[in-house]
Every structure is written in structure tokens, then in C-alpha cells.
């Protein structure tokens, strides 16, 4: 039994390239299989992109998740007895874990 590499679960992404670098035509291969070039890649829940701001897609997806969580909370607490208290408990139980996942590995730029 041998381990086989699956190129569909991998991708090559260049974060910064010198202006005169023509490495676009080079292909990386592992076990003779070419690895596709990608503009963004999701790794452990963190979306990395080849843009100038490598976390821009991650922030967009995180803010979209937060908006969806707020809408779900509003729908569920519409007819609750104590709407504020129920919303607070549900927010802490469902939305906060989703939004804070992977935050410990994100490097924040100095601004």
C-alpha cells in the first residue's frame, strides 16, 4: 500500500512576485502530477488570496457569515418572551464560534 498524492486537494498560489518574474509558465509537479494554480485557497477555514490584501476574501466571507447569523437570530427571536436575552445567548452559542474560528492564526497588519 502506498500513499498517492491527490492534486485536486492542493493548489499553488503566488503571494508576491517581482515585476519581471515569468514563473507563470512553470508547473509544479508532485509524483508526476501537476498541481493547479489558484487565486484563492481555503486552508483550515482561512481563505487566503493572491490579492494585495491576502485576507480580503476571508474578511468578505466572515462579514457575510455574521450578517447571515444576525438574520437567523432575528427570525428565531421574533416571537420570544425576552428577545434581547434570547438573541444574546444564541449569538454567543452559534455565531461567535463561527466567526472566531482561525482568528489565532491570522496575522494582523500594523495600521
PDB file of N, CA and C in Angstrom:
ATOM      1  N   UNK A   1       0.841  -1.169   0.000  1.00  0.00           N
ATOM      2  CA  UNK A   1       0.000   0.000   0.000  1.00  0.00           C
ATOM      3  C   UNK A   1       0.894   1.243   0.000  1.00  0.00           C
ATOM      4  N   UNK A   2       0.669   2.127  -0.928  1.00  0.00           N
ATOM      5  CA  UNK A   2       1.459   3.352  -0.990  1.00  0.00           C
ATOM      6  C   UNK A   2       0.530   4.568  -0.957  1.00  0.00           C
ATOM      7  N   UNK A   3       1.066   5.653  -0.489  1.00  0.00           N
ATOM      8  CA  UNK A   3       0.285   6.890  -0.418  1.00  0.00           C
ATOM      9  C   UNK A   3       0.350   7.579  -1.766  1.00  0.00           C
ATOM     10  N   UNK A   4      -0.817   7.969  -2.279  1.00  0.00           N
ATOM     11  CA  UNK A   4      -0.867   8.669  -3.555  1.00  0.00           C
ATOM     12  C   UNK A   4      -1.280  10.112  -3.319  1.00  0.00           C
ATOM     13  N   UNK A   5      -0.656  10.994  -4.045  1.00  0.00           N
ATOM     14  CA  UNK A   5      -0.938  12.421  -3.950  1.00  0.00           C
ATOM     15  C   UNK A   5      -2.175  12.755  -4.778  1.00  0.00           C
ATOM     16  N   UNK A   6      -3.076  13.562  -4.229  1.00  0.00           N
ATOM     17  CA  UNK A   6      -4.282  13.989  -4.932  1.00  0.00           C
ATOM     18  C   UNK A   6      -4.150  15.477  -5.264  1.00  0.00           C
ATOM     19  N   UNK A   7      -3.888  15.825  -6.538  1.00  0.00           N
ATOM     20  CA  UNK A   7      -3.695  17.234  -6.897  1.00  0.00           C
ATOM     21  C   UNK A   7      -4.980  18.064  -6.807  1.00  0.00           C
ATOM     22  N   UNK A   8      -6.146  17.417  -6.769  1.00  0.00           N
ATOM     23  CA  UNK A   8      -7.401  18.162  -6.674  1.00  0.00           C
ATOM     24  C   UNK A   8      -7.584  18.792  -5.293  1.00  0.00           C
ATOM     25  N   UNK A   9      -6.861  18.289  -4.297  1.00  0.00           N
ATOM     26  CA  UNK A   9      -6.975  18.824  -2.943  1.00  0.00           C
ATOM     27  C   UNK A   9      -5.840  19.790  -2.620  1.00  0.00           C
ATOM     28  N   UNK A  10      -5.090  20.202  -3.629  1.00  0.00           N
ATOM     29  CA  UNK A  10      -3.955  21.096  -3.431  1.00  0.00           C
ATOM     30  C   UNK A  10      -3.993  22.205  -4.463  1.00  0.00           C
ATOM     31  N   UNK A  11      -3.198  23.219  -4.248  1.00  0.00           N
ATOM     32  CA  UNK A  11      -3.111  24.317  -5.198  1.00  0.00           C
ATOM     33  C   UNK A  11      -1.848  25.124  -4.964  1.00  0.00           C
ATOM     34  N   UNK A  12      -1.360  25.739  -6.031  1.00  0.00           N
ATOM     35  CA  UNK A  12      -0.186  26.593  -5.962  1.00  0.00           C
ATOM     36  C   UNK A  12      -0.663  28.036  -6.062  1.00  0.00           C
ATOM     37  N   UNK A  13      -0.220  28.854  -5.107  1.00  0.00           N
ATOM     38  CA  UNK A  13      -0.591  30.261  -5.131  1.00  0.00           C
ATOM     39  C   UNK A  13       0.656  31.095  -4.863  1.00  0.00           C
ATOM     40  N   UNK A  14       0.848  32.137  -5.672  1.00  0.00           N
ATOM     41  CA  UNK A  14       1.984  33.037  -5.501  1.00  0.00           C
ATOM     42  C   UNK A  14       1.469  34.294  -4.815  1.00  0.00           C
ATOM     43  N   UNK A  15       2.041  34.613  -3.646  1.00  0.00           N
ATOM     44  CA  UNK A  15       1.586  35.781  -2.892  1.00  0.00           C
ATOM     45  C   UNK A  15       2.202  37.076  -3.394  1.00  0.00           C
ATOM     46  N   UNK A  16       3.475  37.064  -3.705  1.00  0.00           N
ATOM     47  CA  UNK A  16       4.120  38.268  -4.230  1.00  0.00           C
ATOM     48  C   UNK A  16       5.147  37.837  -5.265  1.00  0.00           C
ATOM     49  N   UNK A  17       5.192  38.579  -6.326  1.00  0.00           N
ATOM     50  CA  UNK A  17       6.073  38.226  -7.435  1.00  0.00           C
ATOM     51  C   UNK A  17       6.805  39.491  -7.885  1.00  0.00           C
ATOM     52  N   UNK A  18       8.121  39.414  -8.118  1.00  0.00           N
ATOM     53  CA  UNK A  18       8.832  40.562  -8.682  1.00  0.00           C
ATOM     54  C   UNK A  18       8.258  40.918 -10.053  1.00  0.00           C
ATOM     55  N   UNK A  19       8.361  42.188 -10.468  1.00  0.00           N
ATOM     56  CA  UNK A  19       7.742  42.619 -11.733  1.00  0.00           C
ATOM     57  C   UNK A  19       8.207  41.863 -12.973  1.00  0.00           C
ATOM     58  N   UNK A  20       9.463  41.448 -13.026  1.00  0.00           N
ATOM     59  CA  UNK A  20       9.983  40.778 -14.223  1.00  0.00           C
ATOM     60  C   UNK A  20      10.021  39.264 -14.092  1.00  0.00           C
ATOM     61  N   UNK A  21       9.297  38.718 -13.145  1.00  0.00           N
ATOM     62  CA  UNK A  21       9.287  37.267 -12.941  1.00  0.00           C
ATOM     63  C   UNK A  21       8.283  36.630 -13.897  1.00  0.00           C
ATOM     64  N   UNK A  22       8.746  35.670 -14.676  1.00  0.00           N
ATOM     65  CA  UNK A  22       7.883  34.983 -15.642  1.00  0.00           C
ATOM     66  C   UNK A  22       7.678  33.535 -15.229  1.00  0.00           C
ATOM     67  N   UNK A  23       7.349  33.312 -13.979  1.00  0.00           N
ATOM     68  CA  UNK A  23       7.180  31.945 -13.484  1.00  0.00           C
ATOM     69  C   UNK A  23       5.792  31.393 -13.784  1.00  0.00           C
ATOM     70  N   UNK A  24       4.977  32.146 -14.519  1.00  0.00           N
ATOM     71  CA  UNK A  24       3.630  31.683 -14.863  1.00  0.00           C
ATOM     72  C   UNK A  24       3.667  30.396 -15.682  1.00  0.00           C
ATOM     73  N   UNK A  25       4.682  30.262 -16.536  1.00  0.00           N
ATOM     74  CA  UNK A  25       4.727  29.100 -17.419  1.00  0.00           C
ATOM     75  C   UNK A  25       5.351  27.870 -16.759  1.00  0.00           C
ATOM     76  N   UNK A  26       5.801  27.986 -15.517  1.00  0.00           N
ATOM     77  CA  UNK A  26       6.362  26.837 -14.811  1.00  0.00           C
ATOM     78  C   UNK A  26       5.242  26.084 -14.104  1.00  0.00           C
ATOM     79  N   UNK A  27       5.347  24.763 -14.091  1.00  0.00           N
ATOM     80  CA  UNK A  27       4.336  23.930 -13.449  1.00  0.00           C
ATOM     81  C   UNK A  27       4.990  23.111 -12.349  1.00  0.00           C
ATOM     82  N   UNK A  28       4.383  23.129 -11.185  1.00  0.00           N
ATOM     83  CA  UNK A  28       4.875  22.334 -10.067  1.00  0.00           C
ATOM     84  C   UNK A  28       4.226  20.958 -10.135  1.00  0.00           C
ATOM     85  N   UNK A  29       5.037  19.919  -9.979  1.00  0.00           N
ATOM     86  CA  UNK A  29       4.520  18.551 -10.030  1.00  0.00           C
ATOM     87  C   UNK A  29       4.950  17.788  -8.789  1.00  0.00           C
ATOM     88  N   UNK A  30       4.056  16.967  -8.285  1.00  0.00           N
ATOM     89  CA  UNK A  30       4.362  16.048  -7.196  1.00  0.00           C
ATOM     90  C   UNK A  30       3.928  14.669  -7.655  1.00  0.00           C
ATOM     91  N   UNK A  31       4.826  13.705  -7.562  1.00  0.00           N
ATOM     92  CA  UNK A  31       4.603  12.345  -8.046  1.00  0.00           C
ATOM     93  C   UNK A  31       4.170  12.351  -9.515  1.00  0.00           C
ATOM     94  N   UNK A  32       4.716  13.288 -10.283  1.00  0.00           N
ATOM     95  CA  UNK A  32       4.418  13.376 -11.705  1.00  0.00           C
ATOM     96  C   UNK A  32       3.075  14.004 -12.032  1.00  0.00           C
ATOM     97  N   UNK A  33       2.331  14.433 -11.030  1.00  0.00           N
ATOM     98  CA  UNK A  33       1.016  15.041 -11.248  1.00  0.00           C
ATOM     99  C   UNK A  33       1.116  16.555 -11.091  1.00  0.00           C
ATOM    100  N   UNK A  34       0.618  17.323 -12.080  1.00  0.00           N
ATOM    101  CA  UNK A  34       0.700  18.787 -11.979  1.00  0.00           C
ATOM    102  C   UNK A  34      -0.273  19.328 -10.926  1.00  0.00           C
ATOM    103  N   UNK A  35       0.186  20.325 -10.193  1.00  0.00           N
ATOM    104  CA  UNK A  35      -0.654  20.981  -9.189  1.00  0.00           C
ATOM    105  C   UNK A  35      -1.222  22.247  -9.824  1.00  0.00           C
ATOM    106  N   UNK A  36      -2.544  22.432  -9.781  1.00  0.00           N
ATOM    107  CA  UNK A  36      -3.147  23.596 -10.439  1.00  0.00           C
ATOM    108  C   UNK A  36      -2.804  24.903  -9.721  1.00  0.00           C
ATOM    109  N   UNK A  37      -2.712  25.991 -10.501  1.00  0.00           N
ATOM    110  CA  UNK A  37      -2.502  27.320  -9.932  1.00  0.00           C
ATOM    111  C   UNK A  37      -3.861  27.884  -9.543  1.00  0.00           C
ATOM    112  N   UNK A  38      -3.939  28.497  -8.370  1.00  0.00           N
ATOM    113  CA  UNK A  38      -5.203  29.039  -7.865  1.00  0.00           C
ATOM    114  C   UNK A  38      -5.002  30.488  -7.433  1.00  0.00           C
ATOM    115  N   UNK A  39      -6.095  31.258  -7.438  1.00  0.00           N
ATOM    116  CA  UNK A  39      -6.059  32.643  -6.971  1.00  0.00           C
ATOM    117  C   UNK A  39      -6.445  32.749  -5.503  1.00  0.00           C
ATOM    118  N   UNK A  40      -7.173  31.750  -5.007  1.00  0.00           N
ATOM    119  CA  UNK A  40      -7.516  31.717  -3.583  1.00  0.00           C
ATOM    120  C   UNK A  40      -7.559  30.261  -3.140  1.00  0.00           C
ATOM    121  N   UNK A  41      -7.312  30.055  -1.840  1.00  0.00           N
ATOM    122  CA  UNK A  41      -7.261  28.700  -1.312  1.00  0.00           C
ATOM    123  C   UNK A  41      -7.757  28.711   0.122  1.00  0.00           C
ATOM    124  N   UNK A  42      -8.613  27.768   0.459  1.00  0.00           N
ATOM    125  CA  UNK A  42      -9.136  27.666   1.815  1.00  0.00           C
ATOM    126  C   UNK A  42      -8.318  26.626   2.571  1.00  0.00           C
ATOM    127  N   UNK A  43      -7.703  27.060   3.670  1.00  0.00           N
ATOM    128  CA  UNK A  43      -6.872  26.179   4.482  1.00  0.00           C
ATOM    129  C   UNK A  43      -7.286  26.330   5.937  1.00  0.00           C
ATOM    130  N   UNK A  44      -7.791  25.250   6.528  1.00  0.00           N
ATOM    131  CA  UNK A  44      -8.243  25.240   7.919  1.00  0.00           C
ATOM    132  C   UNK A  44      -9.243  26.357   8.204  1.00  0.00           C
ATOM    133  N   UNK A  45     -10.140  26.599   7.266  1.00  0.00           N
ATOM    134  CA  UNK A  45     -11.180  27.600   7.464  1.00  0.00           C
ATOM    135  C   UNK A  45     -10.760  29.013   7.134  1.00  0.00           C
ATOM    136  N   UNK A  46      -9.510  29.221   6.792  1.00  0.00           N
ATOM    137  CA  UNK A  46      -8.990  30.543   6.474  1.00  0.00           C
ATOM    138  C   UNK A  46      -8.814  30.643   4.965  1.00  0.00           C
ATOM    139  N   UNK A  47      -9.444  31.638   4.340  1.00  0.00           N
ATOM    140  CA  UNK A  47      -9.352  31.801   2.889  1.00  0.00           C
ATOM    141  C   UNK A  47      -8.207  32.753   2.581  1.00  0.00           C
ATOM    142  N   UNK A  48      -7.182  32.234   1.924  1.00  0.00           N
ATOM    143  CA  UNK A  48      -6.031  33.031   1.513  1.00  0.00           C
ATOM    144  C   UNK A  48      -6.194  33.383   0.045  1.00  0.00           C
ATOM    145  N   UNK A  49      -5.853  34.616  -0.330  1.00  0.00           N
ATOM    146  CA  UNK A  49      -5.969  35.012  -1.729  1.00  0.00           C
ATOM    147  C   UNK A  49      -4.658  35.631  -2.199  1.00  0.00           C
ATOM    148  N   UNK A  50      -4.468  35.644  -3.497  1.00  0.00           N
ATOM    149  CA  UNK A  50      -3.242  36.168  -4.088  1.00  0.00           C
ATOM    150  C   UNK A  50      -3.324  37.675  -4.310  1.00  0.00           C
ATOM    151  N   UNK A  51      -4.372  38.327  -3.814  1.00  0.00           N
ATOM    152  CA  UNK A  51      -4.513  39.778  -3.949  1.00  0.00           C
ATOM    153  C   UNK A  51      -3.471  40.487  -3.090  1.00  0.00           C
ATOM    154  N   UNK A  52      -3.440  41.819  -3.202  1.00  0.00           N
ATOM    155  CA  UNK A  52      -2.529  42.597  -2.363  1.00  0.00           C
ATOM    156  C   UNK A  52      -2.840  42.381  -0.887  1.00  0.00           C
ATOM    157  N   UNK A  53      -4.126  42.357  -0.551  1.00  0.00           N
ATOM    158  CA  UNK A  53      -4.545  42.037   0.809  1.00  0.00           C
ATOM    159  C   UNK A  53      -4.935  40.563   0.809  1.00  0.00           C
ATOM    160  N   UNK A  54      -4.056  39.721   1.313  1.00  0.00           N
ATOM    161  CA  UNK A  54      -4.258  38.275   1.197  1.00  0.00           C
ATOM    162  C   UNK A  54      -5.439  37.751   2.009  1.00  0.00           C
ATOM    163  N   UNK A  55      -5.998  38.566   2.888  1.00  0.00           N
ATOM    164  CA  UNK A  55      -7.146  38.138   3.687  1.00  0.00           C
ATOM    165  C   UNK A  55      -8.456  38.792   3.246  1.00  0.00           C
ATOM    166  N   UNK A  56      -8.459  39.498   2.122  1.00  0.00           N
ATOM    167  CA  UNK A  56      -9.661  40.230   1.698  1.00  0.00           C
ATOM    168  C   UNK A  56     -10.856  39.302   1.495  1.00  0.00           C
ATOM    169  N   UNK A  57     -10.661  38.172   0.852  1.00  0.00           N
ATOM    170  CA  UNK A  57     -11.774  37.239   0.647  1.00  0.00           C
ATOM    171  C   UNK A  57     -12.230  36.636   1.966  1.00  0.00           C
ATOM    172  N   UNK A  58     -11.291  36.404   2.886  1.00  0.00           N
ATOM    173  CA  UNK A  58     -11.654  35.860   4.198  1.00  0.00           C
ATOM    174  C   UNK A  58     -12.537  36.856   4.951  1.00  0.00           C
ATOM    175  N   UNK A  59     -12.167  38.144   4.927  1.00  0.00           N
ATOM    176  CA  UNK A  59     -12.974  39.157   5.621  1.00  0.00           C
ATOM    177  C   UNK A  59     -14.359  39.260   4.996  1.00  0.00           C
ATOM    178  N   UNK A  60     -14.432  39.191   3.664  1.00  0.00           N
ATOM    179  CA  UNK A  60     -15.735  39.256   2.991  1.00  0.00           C
ATOM    180  C   UNK A  60     -16.624  38.093   3.417  1.00  0.00           C
ATOM    181  N   UNK A  61     -16.063  36.899   3.431  1.00  0.00           N
ATOM    182  CA  UNK A  61     -16.851  35.728   3.823  1.00  0.00           C
ATOM    183  C   UNK A  61     -17.237  35.777   5.298  1.00  0.00           C
ATOM    184  N   UNK A  62     -16.343  36.286   6.140  1.00  0.00           N
ATOM    185  CA  UNK A  62     -16.644  36.382   7.568  1.00  0.00           C
ATOM    186  C   UNK A  62     -17.759  37.385   7.825  1.00  0.00           C
ATOM    187  N   UNK A  63     -17.723  38.525   7.145  1.00  0.00           N
ATOM    188  CA  UNK A  63     -18.792  39.514   7.342  1.00  0.00           C
ATOM    189  C   UNK A  63     -20.114  38.995   6.798  1.00  0.00           C
ATOM    190  N   UNK A  64     -20.066  38.226   5.720  1.00  0.00           N
ATOM    191  CA  UNK A  64     -21.294  37.620   5.187  1.00  0.00           C
ATOM    192  C   UNK A  64     -21.869  36.611   6.183  1.00  0.00           C
ATOM    193  N   UNK A  65     -21.005  35.816   6.810  1.00  0.00           N
ATOM    194  CA  UNK A  65     -21.463  34.861   7.829  1.00  0.00           C
ATOM    195  C   UNK A  65     -22.097  35.585   9.011  1.00  0.00           C
ATOM    196  N   UNK A  66     -21.497  36.707   9.410  1.00  0.00           N
ATOM    197  CA  UNK A  66     -22.045  37.474  10.537  1.00  0.00           C
ATOM    198  C   UNK A  66     -23.425  38.021  10.191  1.00  0.00           C
ATOM    199  N   UNK A  67     -23.580  38.539   8.979  1.00  0.00           N
ATOM    200  CA  UNK A  67     -24.890  39.055   8.556  1.00  0.00           C
ATOM    201  C   UNK A  67     -25.935  37.949   8.515  1.00  0.00           C
ATOM    202  N   UNK A  68     -25.559  36.783   8.025  1.00  0.00           N
ATOM    203  CA  UNK A  68     -26.498  35.658   7.987  1.00  0.00           C
ATOM    204  C   UNK A  68     -26.877  35.221   9.394  1.00  0.00           C
ATOM    205  N   UNK A  69     -25.912  35.225  10.306  1.00  0.00           N
ATOM    206  CA  UNK A  69     -26.205  34.840  11.689  1.00  0.00           C
ATOM    207  C   UNK A  69     -27.166  35.827  12.334  1.00  0.00           C
ATOM    208  N   UNK A  70     -26.979  37.108  12.074  1.00  0.00           N
ATOM    209  CA  UNK A  70     -27.885  38.126  12.626  1.00  0.00           C
ATOM    210  C   UNK A  70     -29.293  37.938  12.076  1.00  0.00           C
ATOM    211  N   UNK A  71     -29.404  37.655  10.785  1.00  0.00           N
ATOM    212  CA  UNK A  71     -30.727  37.439  10.190  1.00  0.00           C
ATOM    213  C   UNK A  71     -31.401  36.203  10.774  1.00  0.00           C
ATOM    214  N   UNK A  72     -30.636  35.131  10.984  1.00  0.00           N
ATOM    215  CA  UNK A  72     -31.210  33.932  11.601  1.00  0.00           C
ATOM    216  C   UNK A  72     -31.673  34.212  13.025  1.00  0.00           C
ATOM    217  N   UNK A  73     -30.868  34.960  13.768  1.00  0.00           N
ATOM    218  CA  UNK A  73     -31.248  35.292  15.139  1.00  0.00           C
ATOM    219  C   UNK A  73     -32.515  36.136  15.173  1.00  0.00           C
ATOM    220  N   UNK A  74     -32.616  37.102  14.275  1.00  0.00           N
ATOM    221  CA  UNK A  74     -33.822  37.931  14.228  1.00  0.00           C
ATOM    222  C   UNK A  74     -35.049  37.091  13.918  1.00  0.00           C
ATOM    223  N   UNK A  75     -34.900  36.132  13.025  1.00  0.00           N
ATOM    224  CA  UNK A  75     -36.036  35.282  12.662  1.00  0.00           C
ATOM    225  C   UNK A  75     -36.440  34.375  13.825  1.00  0.00           C
ATOM    226  N   UNK A  76     -35.466  33.852  14.554  1.00  0.00           N
ATOM    227  CA  UNK A  76     -35.778  32.923  15.650  1.00  0.00           C
ATOM    228  C   UNK A  76     -36.290  33.626  16.896  1.00  0.00           C
ATOM    229  N   UNK A  77     -35.862  34.855  17.100  1.00  0.00           N
ATOM    230  CA  UNK A  77     -36.261  35.551  18.326  1.00  0.00           C
ATOM    231  C   UNK A  77     -37.424  36.506  18.112  1.00  0.00           C
ATOM    232  N   UNK A  78     -38.019  36.469  16.957  1.00  0.00           N
ATOM    233  CA  UNK A  78     -39.103  37.407  16.641  1.00  0.00           C
ATOM    234  C   UNK A  78     -40.244  37.310  17.636  1.00  0.00           C
ATOM    235  N   UNK A  79     -40.588  36.105  18.032  1.00  0.00           N
ATOM    236  CA  UNK A  79     -41.731  35.912  18.923  1.00  0.00           C
ATOM    237  C   UNK A  79     -41.310  35.438  20.310  1.00  0.00           C
ATOM    238  N   UNK A  80     -40.077  35.701  20.705  1.00  0.00           N
ATOM    239  CA  UNK A  80     -39.598  35.263  22.018  1.00  0.00           C
ATOM    240  C   UNK A  80     -40.105  36.173  23.129  1.00  0.00           C
ATOM    241  N   UNK A  81     -40.102  35.627  24.340  1.00  0.00           N
ATOM    242  CA  UNK A  81     -40.558  36.383  25.507  1.00  0.00           C
ATOM    243  C   UNK A  81     -39.611  37.544  25.793  1.00  0.00           C
ATOM    244  N   UNK A  82     -38.331  37.247  25.946  1.00  0.00           N
ATOM    245  CA  UNK A  82     -37.330  38.281  26.184  1.00  0.00           C
ATOM    246  C   UNK A  82     -36.372  38.257  25.001  1.00  0.00           C
ATOM    247  N   UNK A  83     -36.688  39.015  23.991  1.00  0.00           N
ATOM    248  CA  UNK A  83     -35.979  38.950  22.719  1.00  0.00           C
ATOM    249  C   UNK A  83     -34.487  39.270  22.866  1.00  0.00           C
ATOM    250  N   UNK A  84     -34.150  40.296  23.643  1.00  0.00           N
ATOM    251  CA  UNK A  84     -32.747  40.677  23.810  1.00  0.00           C
ATOM    252  C   UNK A  84     -31.937  39.554  24.454  1.00  0.00           C
ATOM    253  N   UNK A  85     -32.459  38.986  25.511  1.00  0.00           N
ATOM    254  CA  UNK A  85     -31.737  37.938  26.238  1.00  0.00           C
ATOM    255  C   UNK A  85     -31.563  36.685  25.376  1.00  0.00           C
ATOM    256  N   UNK A  86     -32.605  36.296  24.661  1.00  0.00           N
ATOM    257  CA  UNK A  86     -32.526  35.121  23.786  1.00  0.00           C
ATOM    258  C   UNK A  86     -31.538  35.375  22.653  1.00  0.00           C
ATOM    259  N   UNK A  87     -31.560  36.573  22.070  1.00  0.00           N
ATOM    260  CA  UNK A  87     -30.626  36.910  20.990  1.00  0.00           C
ATOM    261  C   UNK A  87     -29.188  36.847  21.475  1.00  0.00           C
ATOM    262  N   UNK A  88     -28.930  37.373  22.659  1.00  0.00           N
ATOM    263  CA  UNK A  88     -27.576  37.382  23.212  1.00  0.00           C
ATOM    264  C   UNK A  88     -27.062  35.958  23.430  1.00  0.00           C
ATOM    265  N   UNK A  89     -27.890  35.112  23.981  1.00  0.00           N
ATOM    266  CA  UNK A  89     -27.486  33.725  24.242  1.00  0.00           C
ATOM    267  C   UNK A  89     -27.238  32.976  22.933  1.00  0.00           C
ATOM    268  N   UNK A  90     -28.144  33.123  21.972  1.00  0.00           N
ATOM    269  CA  UNK A  90     -27.970  32.442  20.685  1.00  0.00           C
ATOM    270  C   UNK A  90     -26.754  32.971  19.932  1.00  0.00           C
ATOM    271  N   UNK A  91     -26.502  34.279  20.003  1.00  0.00           N
ATOM    272  CA  UNK A  91     -25.336  34.864  19.328  1.00  0.00           C
ATOM    273  C   UNK A  91     -24.054  34.256  19.882  1.00  0.00           C
ATOM    274  N   UNK A  92     -23.946  34.191  21.210  1.00  0.00           N
ATOM    275  CA  UNK A  92     -22.743  33.633  21.832  1.00  0.00           C
ATOM    276  C   UNK A  92     -22.591  32.144  21.548  1.00  0.00           C
ATOM    277  N   UNK A  93     -23.707  31.442  21.424  1.00  0.00           N
ATOM    278  CA  UNK A  93     -23.650  29.991  21.232  1.00  0.00           C
ATOM    279  C   UNK A  93     -23.419  29.591  19.785  1.00  0.00           C
ATOM    280  N   UNK A  94     -23.927  30.364  18.834  1.00  0.00           N
ATOM    281  CA  UNK A  94     -23.858  29.932  17.432  1.00  0.00           C
ATOM    282  C   UNK A  94     -22.952  30.791  16.563  1.00  0.00           C
ATOM    283  N   UNK A  95     -23.023  32.094  16.672  1.00  0.00           N
ATOM    284  CA  UNK A  95     -22.292  32.960  15.748  1.00  0.00           C
ATOM    285  C   UNK A  95     -20.843  33.184  16.162  1.00  0.00           C
ATOM    286  N   UNK A  96     -20.601  33.421  17.433  1.00  0.00           N
ATOM    287  CA  UNK A  96     -19.241  33.733  17.885  1.00  0.00           C
ATOM    288  C   UNK A  96     -18.252  32.608  17.566  1.00  0.00           C
ATOM    289  N   UNK A  97     -18.574  31.336  17.812  1.00  0.00           N
ATOM    290  CA  UNK A  97     -17.611  30.284  17.444  1.00  0.00           C
ATOM    291  C   UNK A  97     -17.303  30.248  15.944  1.00  0.00           C
ATOM    292  N   UNK A  98     -18.304  30.493  15.100  1.00  0.00           N
ATOM    293  CA  UNK A  98     -18.065  30.513  13.654  1.00  0.00           C
ATOM    294  C   UNK A  98     -17.140  31.652  13.269  1.00  0.00           C
ATOM    295  N   UNK A  99     -17.349  32.815  13.849  1.00  0.00           N
ATOM    296  CA  UNK A  99     -16.592  33.995  13.451  1.00  0.00           C
ATOM    297  C   UNK A  99     -15.183  34.023  14.031  1.00  0.00           C
ATOM    298  N   UNK A 100     -14.961  33.382  15.156  1.00  0.00           N
ATOM    299  CA  UNK A 100     -13.638  33.423  15.779  1.00  0.00           C
ATOM    300  C   UNK A 100     -12.767  32.226  15.419  1.00  0.00           C
ATOM    301  N   UNK A 101     -13.306  31.273  14.676  1.00  0.00           N
ATOM    302  CA  UNK A 101     -12.519  30.114  14.255  1.00  0.00           C
ATOM    303  C   UNK A 101     -11.364  30.597  13.386  1.00  0.00           C
ATOM    304  N   UNK A 102     -10.179  30.180  13.651  1.00  0.00           N
ATOM    305  CA  UNK A 102      -8.945  30.513  12.915  1.00  0.00           C
ATOM    306  C   UNK A 102      -8.410  31.904  13.213  1.00  0.00           C
ATOM    307  N   UNK A 103      -9.030  32.673  14.085  1.00  0.00           N
ATOM    308  CA  UNK A 103      -8.510  34.007  14.366  1.00  0.00           C
ATOM    309  C   UNK A 103      -7.143  33.980  15.031  1.00  0.00           C
ATOM    310  N   UNK A 104      -6.798  32.908  15.694  1.00  0.00           N
ATOM    311  CA  UNK A 104      -5.498  32.854  16.364  1.00  0.00           C
ATOM    312  C   UNK A 104      -4.346  32.710  15.382  1.00  0.00           C
ATOM    313  N   UNK A 105      -4.612  32.271  14.162  1.00  0.00           N
ATOM    314  CA  UNK A 105      -3.529  32.108  13.192  1.00  0.00           C
ATOM    315  C   UNK A 105      -3.433  33.266  12.217  1.00  0.00           C
ATOM    316  N   UNK A 106      -4.371  34.192  12.270  1.00  0.00           N
ATOM    317  CA  UNK A 106      -4.343  35.334  11.353  1.00  0.00           C
ATOM    318  C   UNK A 106      -3.357  36.364  11.884  1.00  0.00           C
ATOM    319  N   UNK A 107      -2.469  36.826  11.011  1.00  0.00           N
ATOM    320  CA  UNK A 107      -1.534  37.881  11.369  1.00  0.00           C
ATOM    321  C   UNK A 107      -2.141  39.209  10.970  1.00  0.00           C
ATOM    322  N   UNK A 108      -2.363  40.056  11.940  1.00  0.00           N
ATOM    323  CA  UNK A 108      -2.968  41.354  11.664  1.00  0.00           C
ATOM    324  C   UNK A 108      -1.870  42.352  11.301  1.00  0.00           C
ATOM    325  N   UNK A 109      -2.051  43.118  10.204  1.00  0.00           N
ATOM    326  CA  UNK A 109      -1.040  44.111   9.832  1.00  0.00           C
ATOM    327  C   UNK A 109      -1.065  45.301  10.789  1.00  0.00           C
ATOM    328  N   UNK A 110       0.077  45.965  10.917  1.00  0.00           N
ATOM    329  CA  UNK A 110       0.136  47.178  11.737  1.00  0.00           C
ATOM    330  C   UNK A 110      -0.525  48.307  10.967  1.00  0.00           C
ATOM    331  N   UNK A 111      -1.486  48.979  11.595  1.00  0.00           N
ATOM    332  CA  UNK A 111      -2.107  50.123  10.922  1.00  0.00           C
ATOM    333  C   UNK A 111      -2.328  51.261  11.868  1.00  0.00           C
TER     334      UNK A 111
END
